[in-house]
Structure formats: structure tokens, C-alpha cells
């Protein structure tokens, strides 16, 4: 089955949203770690900075990347609807319905 443009677009949208969220976590980790060193905490573990960045980045990413999230969600919904329609048509053909 050839890949439709909407399917490839869905993949790009989801990848962009996930990448943006990961980039935000990396940026926040750097800011938190750098801020700790700037305030004189030279033994500040990177793992602690990463955990704080994840906690801060989860709600911040939802708010900052809302357009990307909405576009990815709309693509997923359209893809799911197409799958549902295809499945219903296949089941109708398997039952022997002539209208399918």
C-alpha cells in the first residue's frame, strides 16, 4: 500500500512536536544546570537538573507548542477515521454486502 501524503504529513507533525518537547527539556536542563553553577553550586548533578527540567517542561511544552500539538492531534484523528472507514468497508465486503 503506497503511503499517502496525509500519512507522511502526520509522521512529520508528530515528529516535530516530539522533537520540540525534547529540545525544550534539553534547553531547560542547560539553563537549570548553568544557573546552579552561576550561583556557586559546583557539585550540582546534571541528573537533578534533568529531572527538574522534565517537571517544568511537561506543562510548559503543552502551553508553548499548542499549535503543533493541535496539528498532530488533528492528523491522528483523520488517520484514525480513515482506518475505521476502511475497516468497515472490508467487513461489509467480507459479509457479502453488495453496497460496499
N, C-alpha and C. Protein backbone atom coordinates (compact mmCIF):
# COMPACT_ATOMS: atom_id res chain seq x y z
N UNK A 1 0.84 -1.17 0.00
CA UNK A 1 0.00 0.00 0.00
C UNK A 1 0.90 1.24 0.00
N UNK A 2 0.77 2.13 -1.00
CA UNK A 2 1.61 3.33 -1.02
C UNK A 2 1.22 4.29 0.10
N UNK A 3 2.20 5.02 0.51
CA UNK A 3 1.99 5.94 1.63
C UNK A 3 1.35 7.22 1.11
N UNK A 4 0.25 7.61 1.72
CA UNK A 4 -0.46 8.82 1.29
C UNK A 4 0.23 10.06 1.85
N UNK A 5 0.02 11.21 1.20
CA UNK A 5 0.63 12.45 1.71
C UNK A 5 0.18 12.78 3.13
N UNK A 6 -1.08 12.46 3.46
CA UNK A 6 -1.55 12.78 4.81
C UNK A 6 -0.84 11.93 5.85
N UNK A 7 -0.50 10.69 5.47
CA UNK A 7 0.21 9.81 6.40
C UNK A 7 1.63 10.31 6.64
N UNK A 8 2.31 10.74 5.60
CA UNK A 8 3.66 11.27 5.78
C UNK A 8 3.62 12.60 6.53
N UNK A 9 2.58 13.39 6.27
CA UNK A 9 2.44 14.67 6.98
C UNK A 9 2.19 14.43 8.47
N UNK A 10 1.38 13.40 8.77
CA UNK A 10 1.13 13.03 10.16
C UNK A 10 2.44 12.67 10.85
N UNK A 11 3.27 11.88 10.18
CA UNK A 11 4.55 11.49 10.75
C UNK A 11 5.42 12.71 11.03
N UNK A 12 5.46 13.64 10.10
CA UNK A 12 6.26 14.86 10.27
C UNK A 12 5.72 15.70 11.43
N UNK A 13 4.40 15.85 11.51
CA UNK A 13 3.80 16.64 12.58
C UNK A 13 4.09 16.06 13.96
N UNK A 14 3.94 14.75 14.09
CA UNK A 14 4.21 14.09 15.38
C UNK A 14 5.69 14.19 15.72
N UNK A 15 6.54 14.01 14.72
CA UNK A 15 7.99 14.10 14.95
C UNK A 15 8.39 15.52 15.35
N UNK A 16 7.81 16.52 14.71
CA UNK A 16 8.10 17.91 15.07
C UNK A 16 7.69 18.21 16.51
N UNK A 17 6.51 17.76 16.89
CA UNK A 17 6.02 18.02 18.25
C UNK A 17 6.91 17.32 19.28
N UNK A 18 7.23 16.06 19.04
CA UNK A 18 8.09 15.32 19.98
C UNK A 18 9.49 15.95 20.04
N UNK A 19 10.01 16.34 18.89
CA UNK A 19 11.33 16.97 18.86
C UNK A 19 11.35 18.30 19.59
N UNK A 20 10.30 19.08 19.41
CA UNK A 20 10.21 20.37 20.10
C UNK A 20 10.17 20.17 21.62
N UNK A 21 9.41 19.16 22.06
CA UNK A 21 9.33 18.89 23.51
C UNK A 21 10.70 18.46 24.05
N UNK A 22 11.40 17.58 23.31
CA UNK A 22 12.72 17.13 23.76
C UNK A 22 13.73 18.28 23.76
N UNK A 23 13.65 19.13 22.76
CA UNK A 23 14.54 20.29 22.70
C UNK A 23 14.28 21.23 23.88
N UNK A 24 13.02 21.41 24.24
CA UNK A 24 12.68 22.23 25.40
C UNK A 24 13.28 21.64 26.68
N UNK A 25 13.19 20.33 26.84
CA UNK A 25 13.77 19.67 28.02
C UNK A 25 15.28 19.88 28.06
N UNK A 26 15.94 19.72 26.90
CA UNK A 26 17.39 19.92 26.85
C UNK A 26 17.76 21.36 27.18
N UNK A 27 17.00 22.31 26.65
CA UNK A 27 17.26 23.73 26.93
C UNK A 27 17.07 24.04 28.41
N UNK A 28 15.98 23.55 28.99
CA UNK A 28 15.73 23.79 30.41
C UNK A 28 16.80 23.13 31.28
N UNK A 29 17.25 21.95 30.89
CA UNK A 29 18.32 21.29 31.64
C UNK A 29 19.58 22.15 31.66
N UNK A 30 19.93 22.68 30.50
CA UNK A 30 21.11 23.56 30.41
C UNK A 30 20.96 24.82 31.24
N UNK A 31 19.78 25.42 31.21
CA UNK A 31 19.54 26.64 31.97
C UNK A 31 19.60 26.36 33.48
N UNK A 32 18.97 25.26 33.90
CA UNK A 32 18.98 24.93 35.33
C UNK A 32 20.39 24.58 35.80
N UNK A 33 21.09 23.79 35.01
CA UNK A 33 22.46 23.40 35.39
C UNK A 33 23.39 24.63 35.39
N UNK A 34 23.28 25.45 34.34
CA UNK A 34 24.10 26.66 34.27
C UNK A 34 23.76 27.64 35.39
N UNK A 35 22.47 27.74 35.72
CA UNK A 35 22.07 28.61 36.82
C UNK A 35 22.62 28.15 38.15
N UNK A 36 22.66 26.84 38.35
CA UNK A 36 23.23 26.30 39.58
C UNK A 36 24.72 26.61 39.68
N UNK A 37 25.42 26.45 38.57
CA UNK A 37 26.86 26.77 38.58
C UNK A 37 27.09 28.27 38.73
N UNK A 38 26.20 29.05 38.16
CA UNK A 38 26.33 30.50 38.27
C UNK A 38 26.16 30.97 39.71
N UNK A 39 25.30 30.30 40.44
CA UNK A 39 25.08 30.64 41.85
C UNK A 39 26.09 29.98 42.77
N UNK A 40 27.09 29.34 42.22
CA UNK A 40 28.18 28.80 43.02
C UNK A 40 27.99 27.36 43.48
N UNK A 41 27.02 26.66 42.94
CA UNK A 41 26.84 25.24 43.29
C UNK A 41 27.60 24.43 42.24
N UNK A 42 28.86 24.14 42.52
CA UNK A 42 29.72 23.48 41.54
C UNK A 42 29.55 21.97 41.53
N UNK A 43 28.89 21.40 42.49
CA UNK A 43 28.66 19.96 42.51
C UNK A 43 27.18 19.66 42.27
N UNK A 44 26.56 20.44 41.42
CA UNK A 44 25.15 20.26 41.08
C UNK A 44 25.03 19.14 40.05
N UNK A 45 24.36 18.04 40.37
CA UNK A 45 24.28 16.91 39.42
C UNK A 45 23.41 17.24 38.21
N UNK A 46 23.87 16.83 37.05
CA UNK A 46 23.13 17.04 35.81
C UNK A 46 21.79 16.29 35.86
N UNK A 47 21.77 15.13 36.50
CA UNK A 47 20.55 14.35 36.58
C UNK A 47 19.44 15.10 37.34
N UNK A 48 19.82 15.82 38.37
CA UNK A 48 18.85 16.62 39.11
C UNK A 48 18.32 17.75 38.23
N UNK A 49 19.22 18.38 37.47
CA UNK A 49 18.79 19.42 36.55
C UNK A 49 17.85 18.85 35.50
N UNK A 50 18.13 17.65 35.01
CA UNK A 50 17.26 16.99 34.02
C UNK A 50 15.89 16.69 34.60
N UNK A 51 15.85 16.19 35.83
CA UNK A 51 14.56 15.89 36.46
C UNK A 51 13.72 17.15 36.67
N UNK A 52 14.36 18.22 37.12
CA UNK A 52 13.64 19.48 37.25
C UNK A 52 13.15 19.98 35.89
N UNK A 53 13.98 19.82 34.86
CA UNK A 53 13.60 20.25 33.52
C UNK A 53 12.40 19.46 33.00
N UNK A 54 12.35 18.17 33.29
CA UNK A 54 11.20 17.37 32.86
C UNK A 54 9.94 17.84 33.57
N UNK A 55 10.04 18.06 34.87
CA UNK A 55 8.87 18.51 35.64
C UNK A 55 8.38 19.88 35.14
N UNK A 56 9.30 20.77 34.84
CA UNK A 56 8.90 22.09 34.33
C UNK A 56 8.49 22.04 32.86
N UNK A 57 9.14 21.18 32.10
CA UNK A 57 8.90 21.12 30.66
C UNK A 57 7.59 20.48 30.26
N UNK A 58 7.05 19.60 31.07
CA UNK A 58 5.79 18.95 30.70
C UNK A 58 4.65 19.96 30.53
N UNK A 59 4.33 20.75 31.54
CA UNK A 59 3.23 21.71 31.32
C UNK A 59 3.64 22.87 30.40
N UNK A 60 4.90 23.27 30.46
CA UNK A 60 5.36 24.38 29.63
C UNK A 60 5.30 24.01 28.15
N UNK A 61 5.66 22.77 27.82
CA UNK A 61 5.62 22.32 26.44
C UNK A 61 4.21 22.24 25.90
N UNK A 62 3.26 21.84 26.72
CA UNK A 62 1.87 21.79 26.28
C UNK A 62 1.39 23.20 25.94
N UNK A 63 1.77 24.16 26.72
CA UNK A 63 1.35 25.54 26.50
C UNK A 63 2.09 26.19 25.33
N UNK A 64 3.42 26.02 25.28
CA UNK A 64 4.22 26.65 24.24
C UNK A 64 3.97 26.07 22.85
N UNK A 65 3.78 24.77 22.78
CA UNK A 65 3.68 24.10 21.48
C UNK A 65 2.25 23.68 21.17
N UNK A 66 1.28 24.45 21.63
CA UNK A 66 -0.13 24.13 21.40
C UNK A 66 -0.48 24.02 19.91
N UNK A 67 0.00 24.90 19.04
CA UNK A 67 -0.33 24.74 17.62
C UNK A 67 0.22 23.43 17.03
N UNK A 68 1.43 23.08 17.40
CA UNK A 68 2.00 21.81 16.92
C UNK A 68 1.19 20.62 17.45
N UNK A 69 0.80 20.69 18.71
CA UNK A 69 0.03 19.61 19.32
C UNK A 69 -1.33 19.47 18.65
N UNK A 70 -1.98 20.59 18.38
CA UNK A 70 -3.31 20.53 17.74
C UNK A 70 -3.21 19.96 16.33
N UNK A 71 -2.15 20.35 15.60
CA UNK A 71 -1.97 19.84 14.24
C UNK A 71 -1.70 18.34 14.25
N UNK A 72 -0.86 17.88 15.18
CA UNK A 72 -0.57 16.45 15.28
C UNK A 72 -1.81 15.68 15.71
N UNK A 73 -2.58 16.22 16.64
CA UNK A 73 -3.80 15.55 17.10
C UNK A 73 -4.83 15.47 15.98
N UNK A 74 -4.97 16.52 15.20
CA UNK A 74 -5.91 16.52 14.08
C UNK A 74 -5.50 15.48 13.04
N UNK A 75 -4.21 15.37 12.78
CA UNK A 75 -3.72 14.37 11.84
C UNK A 75 -3.97 12.96 12.32
N UNK A 76 -3.77 12.73 13.60
CA UNK A 76 -4.01 11.41 14.18
C UNK A 76 -5.50 11.07 14.09
N UNK A 77 -6.36 12.04 14.38
CA UNK A 77 -7.81 11.81 14.31
C UNK A 77 -8.25 11.49 12.89
N UNK A 78 -7.70 12.21 11.89
CA UNK A 78 -8.06 11.96 10.50
C UNK A 78 -7.58 10.57 10.06
N UNK A 79 -6.38 10.21 10.46
CA UNK A 79 -5.84 8.89 10.13
C UNK A 79 -6.68 7.79 10.76
N UNK A 80 -7.07 8.00 12.01
CA UNK A 80 -7.89 7.01 12.71
C UNK A 80 -9.26 6.86 12.05
N UNK A 81 -9.84 7.96 11.62
CA UNK A 81 -11.14 7.92 10.94
C UNK A 81 -11.03 7.17 9.62
N UNK A 82 -9.96 7.40 8.89
CA UNK A 82 -9.75 6.69 7.62
C UNK A 82 -9.60 5.19 7.86
N UNK A 83 -8.87 4.82 8.89
CA UNK A 83 -8.71 3.39 9.24
C UNK A 83 -10.07 2.78 9.60
N UNK A 84 -10.86 3.49 10.36
CA UNK A 84 -12.18 3.00 10.75
C UNK A 84 -13.07 2.79 9.52
N UNK A 85 -13.05 3.74 8.59
CA UNK A 85 -13.84 3.62 7.37
C UNK A 85 -13.38 2.43 6.54
N UNK A 86 -12.06 2.28 6.39
CA UNK A 86 -11.52 1.15 5.63
C UNK A 86 -11.91 -0.18 6.27
N UNK A 87 -11.85 -0.25 7.58
CA UNK A 87 -12.20 -1.49 8.29
C UNK A 87 -13.68 -1.82 8.10
N UNK A 88 -14.54 -0.81 8.18
CA UNK A 88 -15.97 -1.04 7.98
C UNK A 88 -16.27 -1.51 6.56
N UNK A 89 -15.57 -0.94 5.57
CA UNK A 89 -15.76 -1.38 4.18
C UNK A 89 -15.30 -2.82 4.00
N UNK A 90 -14.17 -3.16 4.59
CA UNK A 90 -13.66 -4.53 4.49
C UNK A 90 -14.63 -5.52 5.13
N UNK A 91 -15.15 -5.18 6.29
CA UNK A 91 -16.09 -6.07 6.98
C UNK A 91 -17.38 -6.23 6.17
N UNK A 92 -17.81 -5.15 5.53
CA UNK A 92 -19.01 -5.24 4.69
C UNK A 92 -18.76 -6.15 3.49
N UNK A 93 -17.59 -6.06 2.88
CA UNK A 93 -17.26 -6.94 1.75
C UNK A 93 -17.16 -8.38 2.21
N UNK A 94 -16.59 -8.61 3.39
CA UNK A 94 -16.48 -9.99 3.89
C UNK A 94 -17.85 -10.58 4.20
N UNK A 95 -18.81 -9.75 4.61
CA UNK A 95 -20.17 -10.22 4.86
C UNK A 95 -20.91 -10.47 3.56
N UNK A 96 -20.41 -9.91 2.47
CA UNK A 96 -21.06 -10.11 1.18
C UNK A 96 -22.01 -9.00 0.81
N UNK A 97 -21.95 -7.87 1.49
CA UNK A 97 -22.81 -6.74 1.14
C UNK A 97 -22.42 -6.20 -0.23
N UNK A 98 -23.39 -6.01 -1.08
CA UNK A 98 -23.09 -5.53 -2.44
C UNK A 98 -22.88 -4.03 -2.50
N UNK A 99 -23.35 -3.30 -1.50
CA UNK A 99 -23.21 -1.84 -1.48
C UNK A 99 -21.82 -1.39 -1.09
N UNK A 100 -21.02 -2.26 -0.55
CA UNK A 100 -19.70 -1.86 -0.01
C UNK A 100 -18.72 -1.51 -1.09
